[in-house]
């Protein structure tokens, strides 16, 4: 009964995962996954126009379900659970009312996508991001994008808000404030009814909302008002100070304590983003690149202030004090499409087959569902097996990984994917292999940008679903980078990282580094580059860069 436990809650693109972790050794006693039901049905999304929205009910239902399930799966007393920390995708903001409640939970907005969470991968705000970048460079004052790589993205906070309020007057008039997903869930857990008093995430604000201590927080009204008077007014209804995730946001509210079967003494830490929590769960250290690989990638590093000095690294997703490990500068880069690129190709191949199965008059519904499930589950595995068998020396198809735009280096969400060198022998496994190579080449370009700016990378650590499941992707990545890649043992590294933050907020460990040392799960595999393939990929990478330059210049 002396052992203490914490819960890490990780909100991904498709599901939320909870882990119940022993703070003395990092052992996961129980984990649980909840797939968002509305999202799974494709509701509130329009991929053709790059609109991807999520209903907060998916998140709140998942919150209750996963935490209750990990408690019931474990044999511990709920009184031993001391803290919770939430990580989420980002930037994924949502409009809220004066009480901090999502507009989408009101009857009049319950089916309005503009009142819902604008998911990280929503790119409807490309024009607004372009406008922010133009003004930041030409208005004659401080360039407020300079700590976010010098290029503001359509994936981020202000661009998304600007797009929604220009499109929807009703949402604009009803939105008292806006919250990142990680802040919203944290506010729900502690029962915060005032958006102005909530401790907002340093990670979210610094990387996505132009927050920086050197100009006193968020950009001034004079700058924000150049886009819309609403943004200038909104600044007063957001925040000035921000907080790192080793700090206490509050205690579990009576309402949520009753729902979850926990005590109101449970500490709730300040929220954060999934990749940054993943870097903590992946045991990040200086000169180590953490690749959080899922539908997209986030590439995370930390450096000390003395090493970075006054350097501004162009084209990345920000450099923020304390966004990963308090007291160090967190550096973020990444790719808008990673697993998503491969999923796009899978869906391209199977959609007609699924439709034919469904239209069949000779199959029972049970047989149809079984066939469709097998096709969904097995196609990527089959393509990967066949692609692995193709000699690297035969690689001649060149693809670009910009199907969902480019995040870094140098954000440009209007870019499109492309494939060249197709011929009559270009079958599905070969095209699939070229897409895997493309996402590896995109990763290499990020590594090169860091190195060009004097940031050393001595180690690479992979984590997330792709890292754990795909030998093809990981071996290709090791060959392209010409570096060994370690794979984190934890299946749920972001949730584990969130649990580490929770342990510090609860006072169980004195700081994040101590929590990592005590609770780290280590590594279970290393992919070494294959000498004979490195040179082949060096040549193909050159073709990738040339092809990218051609497409980007059109």
Protein backbone atom coordinates (compact mmCIF):
# COMPACT_ATOMS: atom_id res chain seq x y z
CA UNK A 1 0.00 0.00 0.00
CA UNK A 2 3.01 2.33 0.17
CA UNK A 3 3.44 2.29 -3.60
CA UNK A 4 2.18 5.33 -5.49
CA UNK A 5 0.65 5.36 -8.95
CA UNK A 6 -0.16 7.96 -11.58
CA UNK A 7 -2.19 8.06 -14.77
CA UNK A 8 -0.99 9.37 -18.12
CA UNK A 9 -3.71 10.17 -20.64
CA UNK A 10 -2.63 10.44 -24.29
CA UNK A 11 -5.06 11.85 -26.87
CA UNK A 12 -4.03 10.87 -30.39
CA UNK A 13 -5.67 11.49 -33.74
CA UNK A 14 -7.89 8.39 -33.71
CA UNK A 15 -8.09 7.37 -30.05
CA UNK A 16 -7.25 8.19 -26.45
CA UNK A 17 -5.03 5.90 -24.37
CA UNK A 18 -4.63 5.75 -20.59
CA UNK A 19 -1.82 4.07 -18.67
CA UNK A 20 -1.65 3.41 -14.94
CA UNK A 21 2.02 3.55 -13.94
CA UNK A 22 4.00 2.66 -10.82
CA UNK A 23 6.07 5.74 -9.95
CA UNK A 24 8.87 3.71 -8.34
CA UNK A 25 9.86 1.77 -11.47
CA UNK A 26 7.76 2.88 -14.44
CA UNK A 27 5.86 -0.40 -14.68
CA UNK A 28 2.56 -0.07 -16.51
CA UNK A 29 -0.03 -1.99 -14.50
CA UNK A 30 -2.87 -1.40 -16.93
CA UNK A 31 -3.62 0.41 -20.15
CA UNK A 32 -6.76 1.05 -22.14
CA UNK A 33 -7.71 2.52 -25.53
CA UNK A 34 -10.93 4.27 -26.60
CA UNK A 35 -11.54 4.85 -30.32
CA UNK A 36 -13.47 8.06 -31.03
CA UNK A 37 -16.87 6.89 -32.35
CA UNK A 38 -17.88 10.07 -34.20
CA UNK A 39 -14.43 10.50 -35.72
CA UNK A 40 -14.42 6.86 -36.83
CA UNK A 41 -17.61 7.52 -38.80
CA UNK A 42 -15.94 10.48 -40.54
CA UNK A 43 -18.34 12.99 -39.03
CA UNK A 44 -17.61 16.73 -39.25
CA UNK A 45 -14.71 16.18 -41.67
CA UNK A 46 -14.23 16.94 -45.35
CA UNK A 47 -10.84 15.63 -46.52
CA UNK A 48 -11.25 17.22 -49.96
CA UNK A 49 -11.18 20.69 -48.37
CA UNK A 50 -8.67 19.63 -45.65
CA UNK A 51 -11.30 20.04 -42.92
CA UNK A 52 -10.77 17.79 -39.91
CA UNK A 53 -12.83 18.51 -36.80
CA UNK A 54 -13.53 16.45 -33.69
CA UNK A 55 -16.46 16.58 -31.30
CA UNK A 56 -15.43 17.03 -27.64
CA UNK A 57 -17.93 14.35 -26.66
CA UNK A 58 -15.54 11.81 -28.22
CA UNK A 59 -12.83 13.09 -25.89
CA UNK A 60 -14.91 13.27 -22.73
CA UNK A 61 -16.39 9.81 -23.26
CA UNK A 62 -12.89 8.48 -23.84
CA UNK A 63 -11.60 10.21 -20.71
CA UNK A 64 -14.15 8.50 -18.49
CA UNK A 65 -13.95 5.12 -20.21
CA UNK A 66 -10.17 4.71 -20.28
CA UNK A 67 -9.46 5.87 -16.73
CA UNK A 68 -12.24 3.74 -15.25
CA UNK A 69 -10.99 0.75 -17.22
CA UNK A 70 -7.35 1.03 -16.15
CA UNK A 71 -8.45 1.29 -12.54
CA UNK A 72 -10.69 -1.77 -12.86
CA UNK A 73 -8.00 -3.77 -14.72
CA UNK A 74 -5.45 -3.16 -11.96
CA UNK A 75 -5.49 -4.67 -8.49
CA UNK A 76 -4.55 -1.50 -6.64
CA UNK A 77 -6.67 0.67 -4.41
CA UNK A 78 -7.84 3.90 -6.09
CA UNK A 79 -6.46 5.73 -3.04
CA UNK A 80 -2.94 4.90 -4.29
CA UNK A 81 -3.48 6.98 -7.47
CA UNK A 82 -1.93 10.37 -6.80
CA UNK A 83 -1.95 12.34 -10.06
CA UNK A 84 -3.08 12.61 -13.68
CA UNK A 85 -1.51 14.40 -16.64
CA UNK A 86 -3.04 14.86 -20.08
CA UNK A 87 -1.25 15.14 -23.41
CA UNK A 88 -3.01 15.79 -26.72
CA UNK A 89 -2.42 16.53 -30.37
CA UNK A 90 -1.78 20.15 -31.25
CA UNK A 91 -2.37 22.72 -32.30
CA UNK A 92 -5.98 21.63 -31.80
CA UNK A 93 -7.94 24.63 -30.48
CA UNK A 94 -11.65 24.89 -29.74
CA UNK A 95 -13.99 27.78 -28.93
CA UNK A 96 -15.40 27.91 -25.37
CA UNK A 97 -17.97 29.99 -23.50
CA UNK A 98 -17.50 32.11 -20.35
CA UNK A 99 -17.46 28.94 -18.23
CA UNK A 100 -14.78 27.28 -20.30
CA UNK A 101 -17.24 24.85 -21.85
CA UNK A 102 -16.96 23.84 -25.49
CA UNK A 103 -19.53 25.48 -27.72
CA UNK A 104 -20.11 22.11 -29.38
CA UNK A 105 -21.66 20.85 -26.13
CA UNK A 106 -24.44 23.41 -26.48
CA UNK A 107 -27.57 22.26 -28.39
CA UNK A 108 -27.40 25.11 -30.90
CA UNK A 109 -23.81 24.23 -31.88
CA UNK A 110 -23.81 20.46 -31.39
CA UNK A 111 -23.59 19.68 -35.12
CA UNK A 112 -21.56 22.73 -36.21
CA UNK A 113 -17.98 21.73 -37.14
CA UNK A 114 -16.78 25.30 -36.56
CA UNK A 115 -17.75 24.98 -32.89
CA UNK A 116 -15.67 21.84 -32.47
CA UNK A 117 -12.00 21.12 -31.98
CA UNK A 118 -9.98 22.07 -35.06
CA UNK A 119 -7.68 19.06 -35.28
CA UNK A 120 -3.94 19.50 -35.83
CA UNK A 121 -4.20 18.17 -39.41
CA UNK A 122 -6.94 20.62 -40.43
CA UNK A 123 -5.48 22.84 -43.17
CA UNK A 124 -8.47 25.05 -43.93
CA UNK A 125 -6.51 28.08 -42.68
CA UNK A 126 -3.75 28.16 -45.32
CA UNK A 127 -4.76 31.66 -46.52
CA UNK A 128 -4.85 32.97 -42.95
CA UNK A 129 -1.40 31.53 -42.19
CA UNK A 130 -0.04 33.19 -45.34
CA UNK A 131 -1.53 36.47 -44.16
CA UNK A 132 0.05 36.14 -40.71
CA UNK A 133 3.43 35.46 -42.29
CA UNK A 134 3.14 38.45 -44.64
CA UNK A 135 2.18 40.87 -41.87
CA UNK A 136 4.84 39.53 -39.50
CA UNK A 137 7.51 40.36 -42.08
CA UNK A 138 6.18 43.71 -43.30
CA UNK A 139 4.36 45.51 -40.49
CA UNK A 140 7.53 47.23 -39.25
CA UNK A 141 7.62 45.82 -35.74
CA UNK A 142 8.82 42.65 -34.03
CA UNK A 143 8.60 39.44 -36.07
CA UNK A 144 6.50 37.39 -33.68
CA UNK A 145 7.10 34.22 -35.67
CA UNK A 146 10.86 34.20 -35.06
CA UNK A 147 10.78 31.70 -32.17
CA UNK A 148 8.51 29.40 -34.20
CA UNK A 149 10.88 28.89 -37.09
CA UNK A 150 9.99 32.16 -38.83
CA UNK A 151 7.05 30.63 -40.70
CA UNK A 152 3.58 30.39 -39.18
CA UNK A 153 1.58 27.31 -40.16
CA UNK A 154 -2.07 26.71 -41.01
CA UNK A 155 -1.90 23.92 -38.43
CA UNK A 156 -1.55 26.44 -35.60
CA UNK A 157 -3.65 28.41 -33.12
CA UNK A 158 -4.12 31.93 -34.52
CA UNK A 159 -4.55 30.89 -38.16
CA UNK A 160 -7.28 28.42 -37.24
CA UNK A 161 -9.15 30.89 -35.06
CA UNK A 162 -8.95 33.57 -37.75
CA UNK A 163 -10.34 31.17 -40.35
CA UNK A 164 -13.26 30.04 -38.17
CA UNK A 165 -14.37 33.52 -37.10
CA UNK A 166 -14.28 34.76 -40.69
CA UNK A 167 -16.37 31.83 -41.81
CA UNK A 168 -18.89 31.62 -38.97
CA UNK A 169 -20.37 34.74 -37.37
CA UNK A 170 -22.40 32.73 -34.86
CA UNK A 171 -19.34 30.95 -33.49
CA UNK A 172 -17.40 34.22 -33.47
CA UNK A 173 -20.08 35.92 -31.36
CA UNK A 174 -20.46 32.98 -28.97
CA UNK A 175 -16.77 32.21 -28.42
CA UNK A 176 -15.70 33.95 -25.22
CA UNK A 177 -12.27 32.32 -25.35
CA UNK A 178 -10.37 29.51 -27.07
CA UNK A 179 -8.53 26.56 -25.55
CA UNK A 180 -6.04 24.07 -26.84
CA UNK A 181 -7.26 20.50 -26.47
CA UNK A 182 -4.75 19.77 -23.68
CA UNK A 183 -5.94 22.81 -21.71
CA UNK A 184 -9.62 21.98 -22.25
CA UNK A 185 -9.35 18.42 -20.91
CA UNK A 186 -7.28 19.61 -17.95
CA UNK A 187 -9.90 22.28 -17.18
CA UNK A 188 -12.64 19.65 -17.31
CA UNK A 189 -10.81 17.41 -14.85
CA UNK A 190 -10.29 20.15 -12.26
CA UNK A 191 -13.71 21.72 -12.77
CA UNK A 192 -12.30 25.09 -13.82
CA UNK A 193 -15.20 27.38 -14.75
CA UNK A 194 -13.12 30.42 -15.64
CA UNK A 195 -10.91 30.31 -18.76
CA UNK A 196 -9.03 33.36 -17.46
CA UNK A 197 -7.70 31.54 -14.38
CA UNK A 198 -6.75 28.21 -15.97
CA UNK A 199 -3.02 27.46 -16.04
CA UNK A 200 -2.35 27.21 -19.77
CA UNK A 201 0.25 24.91 -21.30
CA UNK A 202 3.68 26.47 -21.97
CA UNK A 203 4.25 23.82 -24.63
CA UNK A 204 1.09 24.68 -26.57
CA UNK A 205 1.43 28.45 -26.19
CA UNK A 206 5.10 28.62 -27.08
CA UNK A 207 5.11 26.32 -30.07
CA UNK A 208 1.78 27.29 -31.66
CA UNK A 209 0.41 30.59 -30.31
CA UNK A 210 3.38 32.99 -30.66
CA UNK A 211 3.81 33.18 -26.88
CA UNK A 212 7.28 34.23 -25.70
CA UNK A 213 8.52 35.71 -22.45
CA UNK A 214 10.64 38.32 -24.27
CA UNK A 215 7.52 40.24 -25.40
CA UNK A 216 5.50 39.58 -22.29
CA UNK A 217 3.44 36.63 -23.46
CA UNK A 218 1.15 36.70 -26.50
CA UNK A 219 1.70 39.25 -29.29
CA UNK A 220 0.33 42.75 -28.61
CA UNK A 221 -3.12 43.90 -29.67
CA UNK A 222 -1.58 46.22 -32.23
CA UNK A 223 -0.29 43.19 -34.15
CA UNK A 224 -3.31 40.91 -33.65
CA UNK A 225 -5.73 43.67 -34.62
CA UNK A 226 -4.21 43.87 -38.09
CA UNK A 227 -6.02 40.62 -38.91
CA UNK A 228 -9.35 41.19 -37.16
CA UNK A 229 -10.44 43.33 -34.17
CA UNK A 230 -11.77 40.10 -32.65
CA UNK A 231 -8.22 38.77 -32.19
CA UNK A 232 -7.13 41.93 -30.39
CA UNK A 233 -10.15 41.68 -28.07
CA UNK A 234 -9.58 37.94 -27.64
CA UNK A 235 -6.12 38.52 -26.19
CA UNK A 236 -7.76 39.85 -23.00
CA UNK A 237 -9.71 36.59 -22.71
CA UNK A 238 -6.76 34.22 -23.13
CA UNK A 239 -3.70 34.28 -20.85
CA UNK A 240 -0.42 36.03 -20.09
CA UNK A 241 1.47 33.45 -18.05
CA UNK A 242 2.05 29.85 -19.06
CA UNK A 243 3.13 26.78 -17.12
CA UNK A 244 5.25 23.68 -17.64
CA UNK A 245 3.73 20.24 -17.17
CA UNK A 246 5.60 19.43 -13.97
CA UNK A 247 3.35 22.00 -12.27
CA UNK A 248 -0.04 21.53 -10.63
CA UNK A 249 -3.07 22.79 -12.56
CA UNK A 250 -5.44 21.87 -9.74
CA UNK A 251 -7.07 18.95 -7.96
CA UNK A 252 -9.61 16.54 -9.40
CA UNK A 253 -13.10 18.04 -9.18
CA UNK A 254 -15.84 16.44 -7.10
CA UNK A 255 -17.79 15.66 -10.26
CA UNK A 256 -14.94 13.86 -12.03
CA UNK A 257 -13.76 12.20 -8.83
CA UNK A 258 -17.22 10.66 -8.46
CA UNK A 259 -17.32 9.56 -12.12
CA UNK A 260 -13.89 7.95 -11.98
CA UNK A 261 -13.99 6.53 -8.46
CA UNK A 262 -11.03 8.63 -7.35
CA UNK A 263 -10.32 11.13 -4.58
CA UNK A 264 -10.45 14.91 -4.88
CA UNK A 265 -6.89 14.81 -3.52
CA UNK A 266 -5.66 13.58 -6.92
CA UNK A 267 -3.37 16.19 -8.49
CA UNK A 268 -3.94 17.19 -12.11
CA UNK A 269 -0.81 18.46 -13.85
CA UNK A 270 -0.72 21.19 -16.49
CA UNK A 271 -1.44 19.68 -19.92
CA UNK A 272 0.99 19.30 -22.80
CA UNK A 273 1.34 18.02 -26.38
CA UNK A 274 1.69 14.34 -27.19
CA UNK A 275 5.07 14.50 -28.94
CA UNK A 276 6.71 16.46 -26.14
CA UNK A 277 5.37 14.04 -23.55
CA UNK A 278 6.56 11.26 -25.86
CA UNK A 279 10.07 12.68 -25.80
CA UNK A 280 10.01 12.48 -22.00
CA UNK A 281 8.67 8.91 -22.16
CA UNK A 282 11.41 8.13 -24.71
CA UNK A 283 14.07 9.34 -22.24
CA UNK A 284 15.24 12.36 -24.21
CA UNK A 285 18.72 13.74 -23.55
CA UNK A 286 20.90 16.40 -25.19
CA UNK A 287 21.97 15.68 -28.80
CA UNK A 288 19.24 13.05 -29.15
CA UNK A 289 16.50 13.29 -31.76
CA UNK A 290 13.23 11.74 -30.64
CA UNK A 291 10.98 10.76 -33.53
CA UNK A 292 7.37 10.32 -32.48
CA UNK A 293 5.98 8.39 -35.42
CA UNK A 294 2.29 7.99 -36.03
CA UNK A 295 -0.09 9.54 -38.56
CA UNK A 296 2.39 12.42 -38.68
CA UNK A 297 5.78 12.80 -37.02
CA UNK A 298 7.01 15.21 -34.44
CA UNK A 299 10.76 15.39 -34.06
CA UNK A 300 11.77 16.64 -30.62
CA UNK A 301 15.12 17.68 -29.16
CA UNK A 302 16.28 19.51 -26.05
CA UNK A 303 19.26 21.77 -25.58
CA UNK A 304 20.48 23.99 -22.79
CA UNK A 305 20.24 27.75 -23.01
CA UNK A 306 24.01 28.19 -23.01
CA UNK A 307 24.46 25.91 -26.04
CA UNK A 308 21.65 27.53 -28.04
CA UNK A 309 22.50 31.08 -27.03
CA UNK A 310 20.69 33.63 -29.19
CA UNK A 311 20.42 31.32 -32.19
CA UNK A 312 17.09 31.22 -34.03
CA UNK A 313 16.60 28.00 -35.97
CA UNK A 314 14.66 28.74 -39.17
CA UNK A 315 11.92 26.55 -40.55
CA UNK A 316 11.17 24.44 -37.47
CA UNK A 317 8.07 24.40 -35.22
CA UNK A 318 9.53 26.41 -32.40
CA UNK A 319 12.10 26.66 -29.65
CA UNK A 320 10.43 26.98 -26.28
CA UNK A 321 11.80 27.19 -22.76
CA UNK A 322 10.46 24.24 -20.77
CA UNK A 323 8.22 22.70 -23.41
CA UNK A 324 9.84 19.28 -22.90
CA UNK A 325 12.07 19.38 -19.82
CA UNK A 326 11.77 22.44 -17.58
CA UNK A 327 15.00 24.42 -17.57
CA UNK A 328 15.96 23.41 -21.11
CA UNK A 329 14.87 24.62 -24.54
CA UNK A 330 12.57 22.26 -26.41
CA UNK A 331 13.03 22.14 -30.20
CA UNK A 332 10.23 20.78 -32.41
CA UNK A 333 10.12 19.80 -36.07
CA UNK A 334 8.12 17.16 -37.94
CA UNK A 335 6.24 15.93 -40.96
CA UNK A 336 2.55 16.56 -41.63
CA UNK A 337 2.24 13.16 -43.24
CA UNK A 338 4.02 9.98 -42.12
CA UNK A 339 1.78 7.02 -41.35
CA UNK A 340 -0.97 9.05 -43.03
CA UNK A 341 0.92 8.82 -46.35
CA UNK A 342 0.91 5.03 -46.17
CA UNK A 343 -2.71 4.96 -44.99
CA UNK A 344 -3.67 7.13 -47.99
CA UNK A 345 -2.15 4.56 -50.35
CA UNK A 346 -3.85 1.69 -48.54
CA UNK A 347 -7.23 3.41 -48.80
CA UNK A 348 -6.61 4.21 -52.45
CA UNK A 349 -6.15 0.52 -53.15
CA UNK A 350 -8.91 -1.01 -51.04
CA UNK A 351 -11.83 1.43 -51.36
CA UNK A 352 -13.20 -0.11 -54.60
CA UNK A 353 -12.74 -3.60 -53.16
CA UNK A 354 -14.63 -2.70 -49.99
CA UNK A 355 -17.45 -1.28 -52.09
CA UNK A 356 -17.60 -4.41 -54.25
CA UNK A 357 -17.71 -6.62 -51.17
CA UNK A 358 -20.52 -4.55 -49.70
CA UNK A 359 -22.50 -4.71 -52.96
CA UNK A 360 -22.11 -8.48 -53.29
CA UNK A 361 -25.37 -10.42 -53.38
CA UNK A 362 -23.72 -13.80 -52.70
CA UNK A 363 -22.18 -12.96 -49.31
CA UNK A 364 -23.91 -12.67 -45.96
CA UNK A 365 -23.40 -9.49 -43.96
CA UNK A 366 -21.24 -11.42 -41.52
CA UNK A 367 -19.04 -12.66 -44.38
CA UNK A 368 -18.81 -9.14 -45.79
CA UNK A 369 -17.67 -7.68 -42.49
CA UNK A 370 -15.09 -10.44 -42.04
CA UNK A 371 -13.66 -9.91 -45.53
CA UNK A 372 -13.53 -6.14 -45.13
CA UNK A 373 -11.85 -6.45 -41.75
CA UNK A 374 -9.23 -8.86 -43.09
CA UNK A 375 -8.51 -6.57 -46.03
CA UNK A 376 -8.15 -3.52 -43.77
CA UNK A 377 -5.89 -5.36 -41.34
CA UNK A 378 -3.69 -7.29 -43.76
CA UNK A 379 -3.03 -5.01 -46.73
CA UNK A 380 -0.28 -2.89 -45.16
CA UNK A 381 1.35 -6.02 -43.75
CA UNK A 382 1.31 -7.69 -47.16
CA UNK A 383 2.63 -4.59 -48.95
CA UNK A 384 5.42 -4.25 -46.36
CA UNK A 385 6.48 -7.86 -46.73
CA UNK A 386 6.66 -7.59 -50.51
CA UNK A 387 8.41 -4.21 -50.39
CA UNK A 388 11.07 -5.61 -48.04
CA UNK A 389 11.80 -8.32 -50.60
CA UNK A 390 12.53 -5.76 -53.36
CA UNK A 391 16.30 -5.02 -53.52
CA UNK A 392 17.09 -1.42 -52.62
CA UNK A 393 19.23 -1.24 -55.76
CA UNK A 394 15.98 -1.50 -57.76
CA UNK A 395 14.54 1.64 -56.17
CA UNK A 396 13.92 4.09 -58.99
CA UNK A 397 10.47 5.50 -58.30
CA UNK A 398 10.73 8.84 -56.49
CA UNK A 399 7.84 10.12 -54.35
CA UNK A 400 7.31 13.27 -52.32
CA UNK A 401 5.83 12.97 -48.83
CA UNK A 402 3.78 16.19 -49.06
CA UNK A 403 0.33 14.64 -49.45
CA UNK A 404 -0.72 16.54 -46.32
CA UNK A 405 1.57 19.51 -46.99
CA UNK A 406 4.99 20.11 -45.43
CA UNK A 407 5.44 20.96 -41.78
CA UNK A 408 9.25 21.26 -41.64
CA UNK A 409 11.66 22.39 -42.67
CA UNK A 410 9.93 25.60 -43.83
CA UNK A 411 6.20 25.02 -43.40
CA UNK A 412 4.17 25.07 -46.60
CA UNK A 413 0.81 23.35 -46.25
CA UNK A 414 -0.21 24.13 -49.81
CA UNK A 415 2.38 21.72 -51.24
CA UNK A 416 1.10 18.48 -52.77
CA UNK A 417 2.49 14.98 -53.04
CA UNK A 418 3.83 13.63 -56.33
CA UNK A 419 5.34 10.45 -57.79
CA UNK A 420 7.72 10.13 -60.76
CA UNK A 421 9.48 7.42 -62.78
CA UNK A 422 6.44 5.14 -63.04
CA UNK A 423 6.39 2.47 -65.73
CA UNK A 424 4.44 -0.70 -66.51
CA UNK A 425 6.44 -2.56 -63.88
CA UNK A 426 5.48 -0.11 -61.12
CA UNK A 427 3.28 -2.40 -59.05
CA UNK A 428 1.71 -1.68 -55.67
CA UNK A 429 4.66 -2.92 -53.52
CA UNK A 430 7.14 -0.79 -55.48
CA UNK A 431 5.02 2.34 -55.20
CA UNK A 432 4.49 1.58 -51.51
CA UNK A 433 8.24 1.22 -51.07
CA UNK A 434 8.79 4.60 -52.75
CA UNK A 435 6.35 6.22 -50.31
CA UNK A 436 8.23 4.71 -47.36
CA UNK A 437 11.46 6.05 -48.83
CA UNK A 438 9.84 9.46 -49.26
CA UNK A 439 8.87 9.77 -45.60
CA UNK A 440 12.41 8.70 -44.67
CA UNK A 441 13.86 11.35 -47.01
CA UNK A 442 11.60 13.95 -45.40
CA UNK A 443 13.05 12.94 -42.03
CA UNK A 444 16.58 13.28 -43.38
CA UNK A 445 15.88 16.81 -44.54
CA UNK A 446 14.86 17.74 -40.99
CA UNK A 447 18.05 16.20 -39.58
CA UNK A 448 20.07 18.19 -42.11
CA UNK A 449 18.35 21.45 -41.10
CA UNK A 450 19.23 20.93 -37.43
CA UNK A 451 22.84 20.13 -38.32
CA UNK A 452 23.09 23.10 -40.68
CA UNK A 453 22.18 25.29 -37.71
CA UNK A 454 24.82 23.75 -35.44
CA UNK A 455 22.57 21.38 -33.48
CA UNK A 456 24.38 18.08 -32.94
CA UNK A 457 22.47 14.83 -33.38
CA UNK A 458 24.35 11.84 -31.99
CA UNK A 459 21.41 9.51 -31.34
CA UNK A 460 17.99 8.83 -32.81
CA UNK A 461 15.14 7.23 -30.86
CA UNK A 462 11.90 6.11 -32.47
CA UNK A 463 8.61 5.70 -30.67
CA UNK A 464 4.95 5.37 -31.52
CA UNK A 465 2.93 2.87 -33.52
CA UNK A 466 5.03 2.99 -36.68
CA UNK A 467 8.30 2.54 -34.77
CA UNK A 468 6.95 -0.50 -32.93
CA UNK A 469 5.23 -2.20 -35.86
CA UNK A 470 7.04 -1.49 -39.13
CA UNK A 471 10.39 -3.13 -39.83
CA UNK A 472 10.23 -1.72 -43.37
CA UNK A 473 9.90 1.89 -42.22
CA UNK A 474 12.48 1.65 -39.45
CA UNK A 475 15.13 -0.11 -41.53
CA UNK A 476 14.60 2.31 -44.41
CA UNK A 477 14.91 5.23 -41.99
CA UNK A 478 18.16 3.86 -40.50
CA UNK A 479 19.59 3.37 -44.00
CA UNK A 480 18.55 6.84 -45.21
CA UNK A 481 19.82 8.64 -42.08
CA UNK A 482 22.89 6.38 -41.94
CA UNK A 483 22.45 6.21 -38.18
CA UNK A 484 21.36 3.52 -35.72
CA UNK A 485 17.82 4.04 -34.44
CA UNK A 486 16.75 2.77 -31.04
CA UNK A 487 13.10 1.90 -30.47
CA UNK A 488 11.57 2.77 -27.12
CA UNK A 489 10.21 -0.27 -25.28
CA UNK A 490 7.00 1.40 -24.14
CA UNK A 491 4.04 0.90 -26.44
CA UNK A 492 2.57 4.10 -25.03
CA UNK A 493 5.55 6.45 -24.66
CA UNK A 494 3.54 9.73 -24.75
CA UNK A 495 1.20 8.44 -22.04
CA UNK A 496 4.22 7.25 -20.05
CA UNK A 497 5.79 10.70 -20.41
CA UNK A 498 2.57 12.30 -19.20
CA UNK A 499 2.66 9.94 -16.22
CA UNK A 500 6.23 11.11 -15.49
CA UNK A 501 5.06 14.73 -15.48
CA UNK A 502 2.21 13.74 -13.16
CA UNK A 503 4.65 12.16 -10.71
CA UNK A 504 6.61 15.41 -10.48
CA UNK A 505 3.48 17.54 -10.08
CA UNK A 506 2.41 15.26 -7.23
CA UNK A 507 5.79 15.71 -5.49
CA UNK A 508 6.73 12.05 -5.84
CA UNK A 509 9.85 12.87 -7.90
CA UNK A 510 11.71 16.17 -7.48
CA UNK A 511 12.03 16.97 -11.19
CA UNK A 512 11.40 15.58 -14.67
CA UNK A 513 14.92 14.17 -15.11
CA UNK A 514 14.54 12.22 -11.86
CA UNK A 515 11.18 10.88 -13.01
CA UNK A 516 12.72 9.76 -16.31
CA UNK A 517 15.53 7.96 -14.46
CA UNK A 518 13.12 6.18 -12.12
CA UNK A 519 10.31 5.42 -14.57
CA UNK A 520 12.03 4.93 -17.93
CA UNK A 521 11.22 1.68 -19.73
CA UNK A 522 14.40 1.53 -21.83
CA UNK A 523 14.73 0.28 -25.40
CA UNK A 524 14.06 -3.09 -26.97
CA UNK A 525 15.46 -2.92 -30.51
CA UNK A 526 18.11 -1.15 -32.55
CA UNK A 527 18.01 -0.77 -36.34
CA UNK A 528 21.52 -0.48 -37.79
CA UNK A 529 22.10 0.99 -41.25
CA UNK A 530 22.96 -1.59 -43.90
CA UNK A 531 26.21 -0.54 -45.50
CA UNK A 532 25.33 -1.56 -49.04
CA UNK A 533 22.11 0.46 -49.10
CA UNK A 534 23.39 3.76 -47.71
CA UNK A 535 25.02 4.84 -50.98
CA UNK A 536 21.94 3.91 -53.00
CA UNK A 537 19.77 6.06 -50.78
CA UNK A 538 22.24 8.96 -50.91
CA UNK A 539 21.76 9.06 -54.68
CA UNK A 540 17.99 8.64 -54.47
CA UNK A 541 17.82 11.38 -51.81
CA UNK A 542 19.46 13.75 -54.26
CA UNK A 543 16.72 12.94 -56.77
CA UNK A 544 14.11 13.52 -54.03
CA UNK A 545 15.53 17.00 -53.35
CA UNK A 546 15.61 17.86 -57.04
CA UNK A 547 12.07 16.60 -57.58
CA UNK A 548 10.88 18.56 -54.54
CA UNK A 549 12.48 21.73 -55.86
CA UNK A 550 10.75 21.24 -59.20
CA UNK A 551 7.30 20.72 -57.66
CA UNK A 552 7.69 23.55 -55.15
CA UNK A 553 8.75 25.93 -57.91
CA UNK A 554 5.64 25.34 -60.02
